[in-house]
Amino acid sequence: MQTGSVVRNSVNLTGLKRFALENLPTGPLRDDILSQPDEITPAEYLANCRVWQRLARLS
């Protein structure tokens, strides 16, 4: 039995968006990350990770 556990139903992207804004060059990967809402579901996050990985390979 777990006590004090918190189940998160969303993934916060504010840190990733700040990283993209400050460190990534202008392009599709940066634009896509910055266009995301600040919080998304875990399933959306995993789907986006696949897209971001492909975009990173193109850069």
C-alpha atoms as a PDB file:
ATOM      1  CA  MET A   1       0.000   0.000   0.000  1.00  0.00           C
ATOM      2  CA  GLN A   2       1.292   3.424  -0.933  1.00  0.00           C
ATOM      3  CA  THR A   3       0.637   6.432   1.191  1.00  0.00           C
ATOM      4  CA  GLY A   4       1.147   9.999   0.106  1.00  0.00           C
ATOM      5  CA  SER A   5       1.246   9.103  -3.588  1.00  0.00           C
ATOM      6  CA  VAL A   6       0.004  11.609  -6.104  1.00  0.00           C
ATOM      7  CA  VAL A   7      -1.284  10.474  -9.470  1.00  0.00           C
ATOM      8  CA  ARG A   8      -0.653  13.017 -12.203  1.00  0.00           C
ATOM      9  CA  ASN A   9      -3.020  13.058 -15.119  1.00  0.00           C
ATOM     10  CA  SER A  10      -1.011  15.591 -17.077  1.00  0.00           C
ATOM     11  CA  VAL A  11       2.547  16.369 -18.111  1.00  0.00           C
ATOM     12  CA  ASN A  12       3.765  19.908 -17.544  1.00  0.00           C
ATOM     13  CA  LEU A  13       5.726  21.211 -20.543  1.00  0.00           C
ATOM     14  CA  THR A  14       6.759  24.620 -19.213  1.00  0.00           C
ATOM     15  CA  GLY A  15      10.369  23.542 -18.580  1.00  0.00           C
ATOM     16  CA  LEU A  16      10.664  21.966 -22.020  1.00  0.00           C
ATOM     17  CA  LYS A  17       9.144  25.042 -23.634  1.00  0.00           C
ATOM     18  CA  ARG A  18      11.593  27.308 -21.771  1.00  0.00           C
ATOM     19  CA  PHE A  19      14.486  25.097 -22.934  1.00  0.00           C
ATOM     20  CA  ALA A  20      13.248  25.218 -26.536  1.00  0.00           C
ATOM     21  CA  LEU A  21      12.882  28.989 -26.453  1.00  0.00           C
ATOM     22  CA  GLU A  22      16.333  29.565 -24.974  1.00  0.00           C
ATOM     23  CA  ASN A  23      18.395  26.836 -26.659  1.00  0.00           C
ATOM     24  CA  LEU A  24      16.884  25.483 -29.873  1.00  0.00           C
ATOM     25  CA  PRO A  25      17.415  27.179 -33.226  1.00  0.00           C
ATOM     26  CA  THR A  26      14.395  28.505 -35.083  1.00  0.00           C
ATOM     27  CA  GLY A  27      12.762  25.646 -36.975  1.00  0.00           C
ATOM     28  CA  PRO A  28      10.008  23.040 -36.961  1.00  0.00           C
ATOM     29  CA  LEU A  29      11.082  21.310 -33.729  1.00  0.00           C
ATOM     30  CA  ARG A  30      11.182  24.538 -31.730  1.00  0.00           C
ATOM     31  CA  ASP A  31       7.955  25.788 -33.289  1.00  0.00           C
ATOM     32  CA  ASP A  32       6.094  22.570 -32.498  1.00  0.00           C
ATOM     33  CA  ILE A  33       7.252  22.443 -28.884  1.00  0.00           C
ATOM     34  CA  LEU A  34       6.321  26.080 -28.318  1.00  0.00           C
ATOM     35  CA  SER A  35       2.894  25.584 -29.919  1.00  0.00           C
ATOM     36  CA  GLN A  36       1.913  22.925 -27.348  1.00  0.00           C
ATOM     37  CA  PRO A  37      -0.273  23.806 -24.354  1.00  0.00           C
ATOM     38  CA  ASP A  38       1.517  24.010 -20.999  1.00  0.00           C
ATOM     39  CA  GLU A  39      -0.041  20.720 -19.838  1.00  0.00           C
ATOM     40  CA  ILE A  40      -0.940  17.653 -21.899  1.00  0.00           C
ATOM     41  CA  THR A  41      -1.985  14.093 -21.143  1.00  0.00           C
ATOM     42  CA  PRO A  42       0.689  11.395 -20.830  1.00  0.00           C
ATOM     43  CA  ALA A  43      -0.574   9.778 -24.053  1.00  0.00           C
ATOM     44  CA  GLU A  44      -0.252  13.086 -25.923  1.00  0.00           C
ATOM     45  CA  TYR A  45       3.228  13.560 -24.483  1.00  0.00           C
ATOM     46  CA  LEU A  46       4.386  10.155 -25.724  1.00  0.00           C
ATOM     47  CA  ALA A  47       2.935  10.798 -29.173  1.00  0.00           C
ATOM     48  CA  ASN A  48       4.646  14.190 -29.290  1.00  0.00           C
ATOM     49  CA  CYS A  49       7.962  12.656 -28.223  1.00  0.00           C
ATOM     50  CA  ARG A  50       7.911  10.487 -31.341  1.00  0.00           C
ATOM     51  CA  VAL A  51       7.280  13.542 -33.522  1.00  0.00           C
ATOM     52  CA  TRP A  52       9.954  15.602 -31.731  1.00  0.00           C
ATOM     53  CA  GLN A  53      12.477  12.802 -32.171  1.00  0.00           C
ATOM     54  CA  ARG A  54      11.845  12.720 -35.917  1.00  0.00           C
ATOM     55  CA  LEU A  55      12.042  16.508 -36.175  1.00  0.00           C
ATOM     56  CA  ALA A  56      15.312  16.508 -34.216  1.00  0.00           C
ATOM     57  CA  ARG A  57      16.825  14.073 -36.720  1.00  0.00           C
ATOM     58  CA  LEU A  58      15.923  16.445 -39.569  1.00  0.00           C
ATOM     59  CA  SER A  59      17.666  19.400 -37.918  1.00  0.00           C
END
